[in-house]
Amino acid sequence: LLLLSFLAFQCSTKQLSLSNPDDKLVEMSKSPCFGYCPTYELIIFQNGIMKLNAKQNMKKNGMFTKQLSKNELKKLKKELADLKLETYNDEYKEAIADAPSTRITYYNENFKKSIFTNFNYPDPLQRFSIKLDTLAANGVWEPYIDNRTTQEYLIQLKEAKTLHDFLIRYKEQEL
């Protein structure tokens, strides 16, 4: 009964629920510079939920979430597929002390590709980075509130059910 009441409470909230970390689609991080450079980490999950950790030189600082529309998510996934990130070098580094660094990491079911740059990198990557910058800087971001319980629950599985069955069924509730 306790588990059912917990699940009912979780389903009734209007806050966005972050996906399993294994469900990441793409993430980008920007490091600080000596001047006024936005510093943040942006994660976009497979279901279109975005999580922003705005650290400095952003409109607001803190943790935020936002949901991409189905159309925006579809376009983003197509753009990622068209970029063929696996064909790029892992690093585009210049000896410039003040240049902020950018790391883009793409999660595909077959591979994970991480690309680091601190100044000059291919135009398609530059355009994609600008697109993610725009997503991070604009729109209505809701403050992220981690409302997951920190208590432990003991679960007794029904006969012929496995832990895997349970985890798949309650994945959306982040149990």
N, C-alpha and C. Protein backbone atom coordinates (compact mmCIF):
# COMPACT_ATOMS: atom_id res chain seq x y z
N LEU A 1 0.82 -1.20 0.00
CA LEU A 1 0.00 0.00 0.00
C LEU A 1 0.86 1.25 0.00
N LEU A 2 1.93 1.21 0.77
CA LEU A 2 2.83 2.35 0.82
C LEU A 2 3.42 2.65 -0.55
N LEU A 3 3.82 1.60 -1.27
CA LEU A 3 4.38 1.78 -2.60
C LEU A 3 3.34 2.35 -3.55
N LEU A 4 2.12 1.86 -3.49
CA LEU A 4 1.07 2.36 -4.37
C LEU A 4 0.74 3.82 -4.08
N SER A 5 0.70 4.20 -2.81
CA SER A 5 0.42 5.60 -2.49
C SER A 5 1.58 6.49 -2.94
N PHE A 6 2.80 5.99 -2.82
CA PHE A 6 3.96 6.74 -3.29
C PHE A 6 3.87 6.95 -4.79
N LEU A 7 3.54 5.89 -5.54
CA LEU A 7 3.43 6.00 -6.99
C LEU A 7 2.30 6.95 -7.40
N ALA A 8 1.19 6.90 -6.71
CA ALA A 8 0.08 7.81 -7.01
C ALA A 8 0.50 9.25 -6.79
N PHE A 9 1.22 9.51 -5.71
CA PHE A 9 1.72 10.87 -5.43
C PHE A 9 2.68 11.31 -6.52
N GLN A 10 3.59 10.44 -6.91
CA GLN A 10 4.57 10.79 -7.94
C GLN A 10 3.88 11.09 -9.27
N CYS A 11 2.85 10.33 -9.64
CA CYS A 11 2.17 10.53 -10.91
C CYS A 11 1.36 11.80 -10.92
N SER A 12 0.97 12.30 -9.75
CA SER A 12 0.12 13.48 -9.70
C SER A 12 0.92 14.78 -9.75
N THR A 13 2.23 14.72 -9.64
CA THR A 13 3.00 15.96 -9.66
C THR A 13 3.11 16.48 -11.08
N LYS A 14 3.24 17.79 -11.23
CA LYS A 14 3.33 18.40 -12.54
C LYS A 14 4.77 18.72 -12.92
N GLN A 15 5.71 18.40 -12.06
CA GLN A 15 7.10 18.68 -12.34
C GLN A 15 7.64 17.66 -13.34
N LEU A 16 8.60 18.10 -14.13
CA LEU A 16 9.24 17.19 -15.06
C LEU A 16 10.10 16.20 -14.29
N SER A 17 10.08 14.98 -14.72
CA SER A 17 10.88 13.95 -14.09
C SER A 17 12.04 13.61 -15.02
N LEU A 18 13.25 13.66 -14.51
CA LEU A 18 14.40 13.37 -15.34
C LEU A 18 14.49 11.89 -15.65
N SER A 19 14.98 11.60 -16.82
CA SER A 19 15.13 10.23 -17.27
C SER A 19 16.28 9.55 -16.55
N ASN A 20 16.38 8.28 -16.80
CA ASN A 20 17.50 7.49 -16.35
C ASN A 20 18.76 8.08 -17.00
N PRO A 21 19.85 8.24 -16.26
CA PRO A 21 21.07 8.77 -16.87
C PRO A 21 21.54 7.99 -18.10
N ASP A 22 21.16 6.73 -18.19
CA ASP A 22 21.53 5.93 -19.35
C ASP A 22 20.74 6.33 -20.59
N ASP A 23 19.72 7.16 -20.45
CA ASP A 23 18.87 7.58 -21.55
C ASP A 23 19.28 8.93 -22.13
N LYS A 24 20.52 9.32 -21.92
CA LYS A 24 20.99 10.59 -22.47
C LYS A 24 21.08 10.51 -23.99
N LEU A 25 20.78 11.63 -24.63
CA LEU A 25 20.93 11.75 -26.07
C LEU A 25 22.21 12.53 -26.38
N VAL A 26 22.31 13.71 -25.81
CA VAL A 26 23.48 14.55 -26.05
C VAL A 26 23.67 15.46 -24.84
N GLU A 27 24.90 15.81 -24.58
CA GLU A 27 25.16 16.81 -23.54
C GLU A 27 26.29 17.72 -24.01
N MET A 28 26.26 18.93 -23.49
CA MET A 28 27.30 19.89 -23.81
C MET A 28 27.66 20.66 -22.54
N SER A 29 28.95 20.86 -22.34
CA SER A 29 29.40 21.67 -21.22
C SER A 29 30.30 22.77 -21.74
N LYS A 30 30.19 23.93 -21.09
CA LYS A 30 30.99 25.10 -21.42
C LYS A 30 31.77 25.50 -20.18
N SER A 31 33.08 25.71 -20.34
CA SER A 31 33.92 26.09 -19.20
C SER A 31 34.06 27.61 -19.13
N PRO A 32 34.51 28.12 -17.99
CA PRO A 32 34.68 29.57 -17.87
C PRO A 32 35.90 30.07 -18.66
N CYS A 33 35.94 31.39 -18.82
CA CYS A 33 37.09 32.06 -19.42
C CYS A 33 37.45 33.23 -18.51
N PHE A 34 38.41 34.04 -18.89
CA PHE A 34 38.79 35.19 -18.07
C PHE A 34 37.78 36.32 -18.17
N GLY A 35 36.93 36.29 -19.17
CA GLY A 35 35.93 37.34 -19.38
C GLY A 35 34.53 36.89 -19.01
N TYR A 36 33.56 37.30 -19.84
CA TYR A 36 32.15 37.01 -19.58
C TYR A 36 31.71 35.88 -20.49
N CYS A 37 31.96 34.66 -20.11
CA CYS A 37 31.57 33.48 -20.89
C CYS A 37 30.51 32.71 -20.11
N PRO A 38 29.40 32.37 -20.76
CA PRO A 38 28.42 31.51 -20.08
C PRO A 38 29.07 30.17 -19.72
N THR A 39 28.85 29.74 -18.51
CA THR A 39 29.39 28.47 -18.03
C THR A 39 28.22 27.60 -17.59
N TYR A 40 28.08 26.44 -18.22
CA TYR A 40 26.92 25.59 -17.92
C TYR A 40 27.15 24.16 -18.41
N GLU A 41 26.24 23.29 -17.98
CA GLU A 41 26.15 21.93 -18.50
C GLU A 41 24.71 21.72 -18.94
N LEU A 42 24.53 21.24 -20.16
CA LEU A 42 23.21 20.98 -20.72
C LEU A 42 23.13 19.51 -21.09
N ILE A 43 22.10 18.82 -20.59
CA ILE A 43 21.88 17.42 -20.95
C ILE A 43 20.51 17.33 -21.60
N ILE A 44 20.44 16.67 -22.75
CA ILE A 44 19.17 16.41 -23.41
C ILE A 44 18.98 14.89 -23.41
N PHE A 45 17.85 14.46 -22.86
CA PHE A 45 17.55 13.04 -22.76
C PHE A 45 16.77 12.57 -23.99
N GLN A 46 16.74 11.27 -24.19
CA GLN A 46 16.06 10.67 -25.35
C GLN A 46 14.58 11.07 -25.44
N ASN A 47 13.95 11.36 -24.30
CA ASN A 47 12.53 11.71 -24.31
C ASN A 47 12.29 13.21 -24.46
N GLY A 48 13.35 13.98 -24.69
CA GLY A 48 13.20 15.42 -24.93
C GLY A 48 13.29 16.29 -23.69
N ILE A 49 13.44 15.69 -22.53
CA ILE A 49 13.62 16.50 -21.32
C ILE A 49 15.05 17.03 -21.33
N MET A 50 15.18 18.31 -21.03
CA MET A 50 16.50 18.93 -20.95
C MET A 50 16.76 19.34 -19.50
N LYS A 51 18.00 19.18 -19.08
CA LYS A 51 18.43 19.58 -17.74
C LYS A 51 19.59 20.56 -17.92
N LEU A 52 19.46 21.71 -17.30
CA LEU A 52 20.48 22.75 -17.41
C LEU A 52 21.04 23.04 -16.03
N ASN A 53 22.35 22.96 -15.91
CA ASN A 53 23.05 23.39 -14.71
C ASN A 53 23.79 24.67 -15.08
N ALA A 54 23.12 25.82 -14.87
CA ALA A 54 23.68 27.12 -15.22
C ALA A 54 24.58 27.57 -14.08
N LYS A 55 25.88 27.69 -14.35
CA LYS A 55 26.85 27.96 -13.29
C LYS A 55 27.21 29.43 -13.15
N GLN A 56 27.46 30.11 -14.28
CA GLN A 56 27.77 31.55 -14.19
C GLN A 56 27.56 32.21 -15.55
N ASN A 57 27.33 33.52 -15.49
CA ASN A 57 27.13 34.35 -16.68
C ASN A 57 25.96 33.90 -17.55
N MET A 58 24.93 33.40 -16.90
CA MET A 58 23.68 33.05 -17.57
C MET A 58 22.60 33.99 -17.01
N LYS A 59 21.42 33.98 -17.63
CA LYS A 59 20.33 34.82 -17.13
C LYS A 59 20.00 34.47 -15.68
N LYS A 60 20.01 33.16 -15.39
CA LYS A 60 19.80 32.67 -14.03
C LYS A 60 20.83 31.58 -13.79
N ASN A 61 21.21 31.42 -12.55
CA ASN A 61 22.11 30.33 -12.19
C ASN A 61 21.35 29.31 -11.37
N GLY A 62 21.72 28.04 -11.50
CA GLY A 62 21.07 26.97 -10.77
C GLY A 62 20.69 25.83 -11.71
N MET A 63 19.87 24.93 -11.18
CA MET A 63 19.43 23.75 -11.94
C MET A 63 18.02 24.00 -12.47
N PHE A 64 17.82 23.68 -13.77
CA PHE A 64 16.54 23.91 -14.42
C PHE A 64 16.21 22.76 -15.36
N THR A 65 14.93 22.62 -15.69
CA THR A 65 14.50 21.63 -16.67
C THR A 65 13.53 22.27 -17.66
N LYS A 66 13.46 21.65 -18.82
CA LYS A 66 12.54 22.10 -19.86
C LYS A 66 12.27 20.91 -20.76
N GLN A 67 11.09 20.87 -21.37
CA GLN A 67 10.71 19.78 -22.27
C GLN A 67 10.72 20.28 -23.71
N LEU A 68 11.46 19.59 -24.57
CA LEU A 68 11.39 19.89 -26.00
C LEU A 68 10.07 19.35 -26.55
N SER A 69 9.52 20.01 -27.55
CA SER A 69 8.33 19.47 -28.21
C SER A 69 8.74 18.25 -29.03
N LYS A 70 7.77 17.43 -29.41
CA LYS A 70 8.07 16.23 -30.20
C LYS A 70 8.75 16.62 -31.51
N ASN A 71 8.29 17.72 -32.11
CA ASN A 71 8.87 18.18 -33.37
C ASN A 71 10.31 18.66 -33.18
N GLU A 72 10.57 19.43 -32.11
CA GLU A 72 11.94 19.88 -31.82
C GLU A 72 12.87 18.70 -31.58
N LEU A 73 12.38 17.70 -30.83
CA LEU A 73 13.19 16.53 -30.53
C LEU A 73 13.50 15.75 -31.81
N LYS A 74 12.50 15.60 -32.66
CA LYS A 74 12.69 14.88 -33.92
C LYS A 74 13.75 15.58 -34.79
N LYS A 75 13.66 16.91 -34.88
CA LYS A 75 14.64 17.68 -35.65
C LYS A 75 16.05 17.54 -35.06
N LEU A 76 16.14 17.60 -33.74
CA LEU A 76 17.44 17.48 -33.08
C LEU A 76 18.06 16.10 -33.33
N LYS A 77 17.26 15.05 -33.23
CA LYS A 77 17.77 13.69 -33.48
C LYS A 77 18.23 13.53 -34.93
N LYS A 78 17.48 14.12 -35.86
CA LYS A 78 17.88 14.05 -37.27
C LYS A 78 19.18 14.81 -37.49
N GLU A 79 19.29 15.98 -36.89
CA GLU A 79 20.51 16.77 -37.02
C GLU A 79 21.72 16.02 -36.45
N LEU A 80 21.54 15.35 -35.32
CA LEU A 80 22.62 14.56 -34.74
C LEU A 80 23.02 13.41 -35.67
N ALA A 81 22.04 12.74 -36.24
CA ALA A 81 22.33 11.63 -37.17
C ALA A 81 23.06 12.15 -38.40
N ASP A 82 22.62 13.30 -38.92
CA ASP A 82 23.25 13.88 -40.11
C ASP A 82 24.67 14.37 -39.85
N LEU A 83 24.95 14.78 -38.61
CA LEU A 83 26.30 15.27 -38.26
C LEU A 83 27.36 14.17 -38.34
N LYS A 84 26.95 12.94 -38.10
CA LYS A 84 27.89 11.81 -38.09
C LYS A 84 29.08 12.11 -37.16
N LEU A 85 28.75 12.38 -35.92
CA LEU A 85 29.77 12.78 -34.94
C LEU A 85 30.90 11.77 -34.79
N GLU A 86 30.62 10.51 -35.07
CA GLU A 86 31.66 9.49 -34.92
C GLU A 86 32.82 9.71 -35.89
N THR A 87 32.62 10.53 -36.94
CA THR A 87 33.67 10.77 -37.92
C THR A 87 34.62 11.91 -37.53
N TYR A 88 34.28 12.65 -36.48
CA TYR A 88 35.10 13.78 -36.07
C TYR A 88 36.21 13.34 -35.12
N ASN A 89 37.24 14.16 -35.03
CA ASN A 89 38.32 13.92 -34.07
C ASN A 89 37.75 14.06 -32.65
N ASP A 90 38.44 13.47 -31.69
CA ASP A 90 38.02 13.58 -30.29
C ASP A 90 38.39 14.94 -29.70
N GLU A 91 39.33 15.63 -30.35
CA GLU A 91 39.83 16.89 -29.78
C GLU A 91 40.22 17.87 -30.87
N TYR A 92 39.83 19.12 -30.67
CA TYR A 92 40.25 20.24 -31.51
C TYR A 92 40.77 21.30 -30.54
N LYS A 93 42.06 21.26 -30.27
CA LYS A 93 42.63 22.08 -29.20
C LYS A 93 43.63 23.08 -29.76
N GLU A 94 43.56 24.30 -29.26
CA GLU A 94 44.49 25.36 -29.63
C GLU A 94 45.19 25.85 -28.36
N ALA A 95 46.39 26.39 -28.49
CA ALA A 95 47.15 26.90 -27.34
C ALA A 95 46.73 28.35 -27.06
N ILE A 96 45.50 28.51 -26.59
CA ILE A 96 44.97 29.84 -26.26
C ILE A 96 44.53 29.78 -24.80
N ALA A 97 45.15 30.58 -23.97
CA ALA A 97 44.92 30.50 -22.52
C ALA A 97 43.51 30.90 -22.11
N ASP A 98 42.91 31.88 -22.76
CA ASP A 98 41.63 32.42 -22.30
C ASP A 98 40.41 31.79 -22.98
N ALA A 99 40.61 30.94 -23.94
CA ALA A 99 39.48 30.38 -24.68
C ALA A 99 38.68 29.42 -23.80
N PRO A 100 37.35 29.62 -23.73
CA PRO A 100 36.53 28.66 -22.99
C PRO A 100 36.48 27.34 -23.75
N SER A 101 36.40 26.26 -23.04
CA SER A 101 36.32 24.96 -23.70
C SER A 101 34.88 24.50 -23.80
N THR A 102 34.64 23.68 -24.80
CA THR A 102 33.33 23.09 -25.03
C THR A 102 33.52 21.59 -25.18
N ARG A 103 32.68 20.83 -24.51
CA ARG A 103 32.67 19.38 -24.69
C ARG A 103 31.27 18.97 -25.09
N ILE A 104 31.17 18.29 -26.24
CA ILE A 104 29.90 17.75 -26.72
C ILE A 104 30.02 16.23 -26.64
N THR A 105 29.05 15.59 -26.00
CA THR A 105 29.04 14.14 -25.90
C THR A 105 27.73 13.62 -26.46
N TYR A 106 27.82 12.70 -27.40
CA TYR A 106 26.66 12.12 -28.06
C TYR A 106 26.55 10.66 -27.63
N TYR A 107 25.34 10.26 -27.25
CA TYR A 107 25.09 8.89 -26.81
C TYR A 107 24.23 8.19 -27.85
N ASN A 108 24.82 7.24 -28.53
CA ASN A 108 24.12 6.44 -29.51
C ASN A 108 24.01 5.03 -28.93
N GLU A 109 23.08 4.25 -29.41
CA GLU A 109 22.96 2.89 -28.86
C GLU A 109 24.18 2.05 -29.19
N ASN A 110 24.94 2.42 -30.22
CA ASN A 110 26.11 1.66 -30.62
C ASN A 110 27.43 2.22 -30.09
N PHE A 111 27.44 3.51 -29.73
CA PHE A 111 28.69 4.13 -29.29
C PHE A 111 28.40 5.40 -28.50
N LYS A 112 29.45 5.88 -27.86
CA LYS A 112 29.43 7.17 -27.17
C LYS A 112 30.60 7.97 -27.73
N LYS A 113 30.31 9.18 -28.19
CA LYS A 113 31.36 10.01 -28.79
C LYS A 113 31.45 11.32 -28.04
N SER A 114 32.65 11.66 -27.59
CA SER A 114 32.88 12.91 -26.88
C SER A 114 33.90 13.73 -27.66
N ILE A 115 33.57 15.00 -27.90
CA ILE A 115 34.44 15.89 -28.67
C ILE A 115 34.75 17.11 -27.82
N PHE A 116 36.03 17.42 -27.69
CA PHE A 116 36.48 18.55 -26.89
C PHE A 116 37.09 19.60 -27.81
N THR A 117 36.79 20.86 -27.53
CA THR A 117 37.42 21.96 -28.26
C THR A 117 37.57 23.15 -27.34
N ASN A 118 38.55 23.97 -27.63
CA ASN A 118 38.69 25.21 -26.87
C ASN A 118 38.76 26.43 -27.79
N PHE A 119 38.65 26.22 -29.11
CA PHE A 119 38.66 27.39 -29.98
C PHE A 119 38.11 27.08 -31.36
N ASN A 120 38.90 26.42 -32.18
CA ASN A 120 38.58 26.28 -33.59
C ASN A 120 38.19 24.83 -33.90
N TYR A 121 36.97 24.63 -34.38
CA TYR A 121 36.56 23.30 -34.78
C TYR A 121 35.67 23.37 -36.00
N PRO A 122 35.41 22.24 -36.67
CA PRO A 122 34.70 22.26 -37.96
C PRO A 122 33.36 22.99 -37.89
N ASP A 123 33.02 23.64 -39.00
CA ASP A 123 31.79 24.44 -39.08
C ASP A 123 30.52 23.69 -38.66
N PRO A 124 30.31 22.45 -39.10
CA PRO A 124 29.08 21.76 -38.66
C PRO A 124 28.99 21.62 -37.13
N LEU A 125 30.12 21.33 -36.49
CA LEU A 125 30.15 21.25 -35.02
C LEU A 125 29.91 22.62 -34.40
N GLN A 126 30.49 23.65 -35.01
CA GLN A 126 30.30 25.01 -34.52
C GLN A 126 28.82 25.39 -34.56
N ARG A 127 28.16 25.09 -35.67
CA ARG A 127 26.72 25.41 -35.81
C ARG A 127 25.89 24.63 -34.79
N PHE A 128 26.24 23.36 -34.59
CA PHE A 128 25.50 22.55 -33.62
C PHE A 128 25.71 23.09 -32.20
N SER A 129 26.93 23.49 -31.89
CA SER A 129 27.24 24.07 -30.59
C SER A 129 26.42 25.34 -30.36
N ILE A 130 26.32 26.17 -31.39
CA ILE A 130 25.53 27.40 -31.29
C ILE A 130 24.06 27.07 -31.06
N LYS A 131 23.57 26.03 -31.72
CA LYS A 131 22.17 25.61 -31.52
C LYS A 131 21.95 25.22 -30.06
N LEU A 132 22.87 24.43 -29.47
CA LEU A 132 22.73 24.04 -28.07
C LEU A 132 22.88 25.23 -27.14
N ASP A 133 23.77 26.18 -27.49
CA ASP A 133 23.90 27.43 -26.72
C ASP A 133 22.57 28.16 -26.69
N THR A 134 21.92 28.23 -27.84
CA THR A 134 20.63 28.92 -27.95
C THR A 134 19.57 28.23 -27.10
N LEU A 135 19.54 26.90 -27.15
CA LEU A 135 18.59 26.15 -26.32
C LEU A 135 18.83 26.44 -24.84
N ALA A 136 20.09 26.49 -24.44
CA ALA A 136 20.43 26.71 -23.03
C ALA A 136 20.09 28.13 -22.59
N ALA A 137 20.25 29.10 -23.47
CA ALA A 137 20.09 30.50 -23.09
C ALA A 137 18.65 31.01 -23.19
N ASN A 138 17.83 30.35 -23.98
CA ASN A 138 16.49 30.88 -24.26
C ASN A 138 15.38 29.96 -23.78
N GLY A 139 14.18 30.51 -23.79
CA GLY A 139 13.00 29.74 -23.42
C GLY A 139 12.70 29.82 -21.94
N VAL A 140 11.64 29.16 -21.58
CA VAL A 140 11.19 29.15 -20.18
C VAL A 140 11.72 27.89 -19.51
N TRP A 141 12.62 28.09 -18.58
CA TRP A 141 13.20 27.00 -17.82
C TRP A 141 12.54 26.96 -16.45
N GLU A 142 12.12 25.78 -16.04
CA GLU A 142 11.52 25.58 -14.72
C GLU A 142 12.62 25.18 -13.74
N PRO A 143 12.59 25.73 -12.53
CA PRO A 143 13.58 25.29 -11.53
C PRO A 143 13.48 23.78 -11.33
N TYR A 144 14.61 23.14 -11.26
CA TYR A 144 14.64 21.69 -11.05
C TYR A 144 14.55 21.41 -9.56
N ILE A 145 13.58 20.61 -9.21
CA ILE A 145 13.41 20.19 -7.82
C ILE A 145 13.48 18.67 -7.81
N ASP A 146 14.47 18.15 -7.16
CA ASP A 146 14.61 16.70 -7.06
C ASP A 146 13.70 16.21 -5.95
N ASN A 147 12.51 15.74 -6.33
CA ASN A 147 11.53 15.34 -5.34
C ASN A 147 11.51 13.83 -5.11
N ARG A 148 12.60 13.17 -5.53
CA ARG A 148 12.65 11.73 -5.27
C ARG A 148 12.86 11.50 -3.79
N THR A 149 12.27 10.47 -3.29
CA THR A 149 12.44 10.14 -1.88
C THR A 149 13.82 9.55 -1.67
N THR A 150 14.35 9.78 -0.51
CA THR A 150 15.66 9.21 -0.20
C THR A 150 15.53 8.01 0.73
N GLN A 151 14.29 7.59 0.96
CA GLN A 151 14.07 6.44 1.83
C GLN A 151 14.18 5.15 1.02
N GLU A 152 14.37 4.07 1.72
CA GLU A 152 14.46 2.78 1.08
C GLU A 152 13.14 2.04 1.20
N TYR A 153 12.84 1.21 0.21
CA TYR A 153 11.63 0.39 0.23
C TYR A 153 12.03 -1.06 -0.01
N LEU A 154 11.39 -1.94 0.69
CA LEU A 154 11.56 -3.36 0.43
C LEU A 154 10.42 -3.81 -0.47
N ILE A 155 10.76 -4.51 -1.53
CA ILE A 155 9.76 -4.92 -2.50
C ILE A 155 9.78 -6.43 -2.60
N GLN A 156 8.61 -7.03 -2.42
CA GLN A 156 8.50 -8.46 -2.57
C GLN A 156 7.84 -8.72 -3.92
N LEU A 157 8.59 -9.36 -4.81
CA LEU A 157 8.09 -9.60 -6.15
C LEU A 157 7.13 -10.78 -6.18
N LYS A 158 6.12 -10.68 -7.04
CA LYS A 158 5.20 -11.79 -7.23
C LYS A 158 5.93 -12.94 -7.92
N GLU A 159 5.39 -14.12 -7.75
CA GLU A 159 5.98 -15.30 -8.37
C GLU A 159 6.05 -15.09 -9.88
N ALA A 160 7.12 -15.52 -10.51
CA ALA A 160 7.37 -15.42 -11.95
C ALA A 160 7.68 -14.00 -12.41
N LYS A 161 7.86 -13.07 -11.48
CA LYS A 161 8.27 -11.71 -11.84
C LYS A 161 9.73 -11.53 -11.45
N THR A 162 10.44 -10.74 -12.23
CA THR A 162 11.85 -10.51 -11.94
C THR A 162 12.07 -9.04 -11.59
N LEU A 163 13.23 -8.76 -11.05
CA LEU A 163 13.59 -7.38 -10.75
C LEU A 163 13.60 -6.56 -12.03
N HIS A 164 14.05 -7.15 -13.13
CA HIS A 164 14.06 -6.46 -14.42
C HIS A 164 12.64 -6.02 -14.81
N ASP A 165 11.65 -6.89 -14.63
CA ASP A 165 10.24 -6.54 -14.93
C ASP A 165 9.81 -5.33 -14.11
N PHE A 166 10.17 -5.34 -12.84
CA PHE A 166 9.81 -4.23 -11.95
C PHE A 166 10.46 -2.93 -12.40
N LEU A 167 11.76 -2.98 -12.70
CA LEU A 167 12.48 -1.78 -13.09
C LEU A 167 11.94 -1.20 -14.39
N ILE A 168 11.61 -2.02 -15.33
CA ILE A 168 11.04 -1.54 -16.60
C ILE A 168 9.69 -0.87 -16.34
N ARG A 169 8.84 -1.49 -15.53
CA ARG A 169 7.51 -0.95 -15.28
C ARG A 169 7.55 0.40 -14.56
N TYR A 170 8.47 0.56 -13.62
CA TYR A 170 8.48 1.78 -12.79
C TYR A 170 9.64 2.72 -13.14
N LYS A 171 10.19 2.57 -14.33
CA LYS A 171 11.30 3.42 -14.78
C LYS A 171 10.90 4.90 -14.79
N GLU A 172 9.71 5.21 -15.25
CA GLU A 172 9.25 6.60 -15.33
C GLU A 172 9.20 7.27 -13.95
N GLN A 173 8.96 6.49 -12.90
CA GLN A 173 8.91 7.04 -11.54
C GLN A 173 10.29 7.10 -10.90
N GLU A 174 11.31 6.70 -11.67
CA GLU A 174 12.69 6.71 -11.21
C GLU A 174 12.92 5.87 -9.97
N LEU A 175 12.23 4.75 -9.89
CA LEU A 175 12.44 3.83 -8.77
C LEU A 175 13.60 2.91 -9.11
